[in-house]
Amino acid sequence: MTSQTTTRRLVQIGALFLIGDGVMGLLKPRWHSSLWNFGPELARAATEELAAHPKTARAVYLAEAVAGIALASCQTPDAY
């Protein structure tokens, strides 16, 4: 396996995570944000704010899903 293939696979995994996490957050922003309420204080504060403000959370999760789609599309060759 080449280094370029490994890099592409890692980028695809990242795009998949961004898309999936973004869609889950769009569907149930409070529940999804609360699910990730652990770790350092900064991370907990961010997830608490997202859980408290579902409209803002949906905007953040939509941006995350769009970023994942953009990342995936940049990695896909035109031939496919």
Protein backbone atom coordinates (compact mmCIF):
# COMPACT_ATOMS: atom_id res chain seq x y z
CA MET A 1 0.00 0.00 0.00
CA THR A 2 1.40 3.35 -0.96
CA SER A 3 1.58 6.43 1.21
CA GLN A 4 -0.78 8.26 -1.16
CA THR A 5 -3.40 5.51 -0.83
CA THR A 6 -3.14 5.60 2.95
CA THR A 7 -3.55 9.37 2.96
CA ARG A 8 -6.62 9.16 0.71
CA ARG A 9 -8.18 6.54 2.96
CA LEU A 10 -7.56 8.66 6.05
CA VAL A 11 -9.10 11.69 4.34
CA GLN A 12 -12.13 9.59 3.36
CA ILE A 13 -12.53 8.36 6.94
CA GLY A 14 -12.39 11.97 8.13
CA ALA A 15 -15.00 13.01 5.55
CA LEU A 16 -17.22 10.10 6.56
CA PHE A 17 -16.99 11.11 10.21
CA LEU A 18 -17.80 14.76 9.44
CA ILE A 19 -20.79 13.86 7.29
CA GLY A 20 -22.17 11.28 9.71
CA ASP A 21 -21.66 13.41 12.81
CA GLY A 22 -23.18 16.43 11.05
CA VAL A 23 -26.28 14.52 9.98
CA MET A 24 -26.76 13.02 13.44
CA GLY A 25 -26.48 16.50 14.93
CA LEU A 26 -29.01 17.87 12.47
CA LEU A 27 -31.54 15.20 13.40
CA LYS A 28 -31.28 15.48 17.21
CA PRO A 29 -29.00 18.38 18.17
CA ARG A 30 -29.60 18.31 21.94
CA TRP A 31 -29.23 14.56 22.30
CA HIS A 32 -26.21 14.37 20.01
CA SER A 33 -24.44 17.26 21.74
CA SER A 34 -25.12 15.78 25.17
CA LEU A 35 -23.74 12.44 24.01
CA TRP A 36 -20.31 14.01 23.48
CA ASN A 37 -20.26 15.89 26.81
CA PHE A 38 -16.98 14.50 28.21
CA GLY A 39 -13.29 15.25 28.25
CA PRO A 40 -11.57 18.56 28.91
CA GLU A 41 -13.54 21.48 30.31
CA LEU A 42 -13.44 23.34 26.98
CA ALA A 43 -15.02 20.38 25.14
CA ARG A 44 -17.70 19.99 27.82
CA ALA A 45 -18.49 23.71 27.73
CA ALA A 46 -18.87 23.61 23.93
CA THR A 47 -21.18 20.59 23.97
CA GLU A 48 -23.28 22.12 26.78
CA GLU A 49 -23.71 25.30 24.73
CA LEU A 50 -24.73 23.30 21.67
CA ALA A 51 -27.22 21.28 23.72
CA ALA A 52 -28.66 24.50 25.18
CA HIS A 53 -29.05 26.17 21.75
CA PRO A 54 -30.40 23.64 19.23
CA LYS A 55 -30.80 26.15 16.37
CA THR A 56 -27.17 27.17 16.65
CA ALA A 57 -26.19 23.52 17.00
CA ARG A 58 -28.03 22.67 13.78
CA ALA A 59 -26.13 25.42 11.96
CA VAL A 60 -22.83 24.06 13.28
CA TYR A 61 -23.75 20.48 12.37
CA LEU A 62 -24.89 21.55 8.89
CA ALA A 63 -21.55 23.30 8.33
CA GLU A 64 -19.78 20.15 9.53
CA ALA A 65 -21.72 17.94 7.10
CA VAL A 66 -21.06 20.37 4.22
CA ALA A 67 -17.35 20.43 5.05
CA GLY A 68 -17.31 16.61 4.99
CA ILE A 69 -19.08 16.53 1.62
CA ALA A 70 -16.66 19.11 0.21
CA LEU A 71 -13.69 17.14 1.51
CA ALA A 72 -15.02 13.90 0.03
CA SER A 73 -15.74 15.53 -3.33
CA CYS A 74 -12.24 16.98 -3.58
CA GLN A 75 -10.77 13.52 -3.05
CA THR A 76 -12.91 11.76 -5.68
CA PRO A 77 -11.37 11.60 -9.16
CA ASP A 78 -13.55 12.87 -12.03
CA ALA A 79 -13.26 9.52 -13.84
CA TYR A 80 -15.59 7.78 -11.39
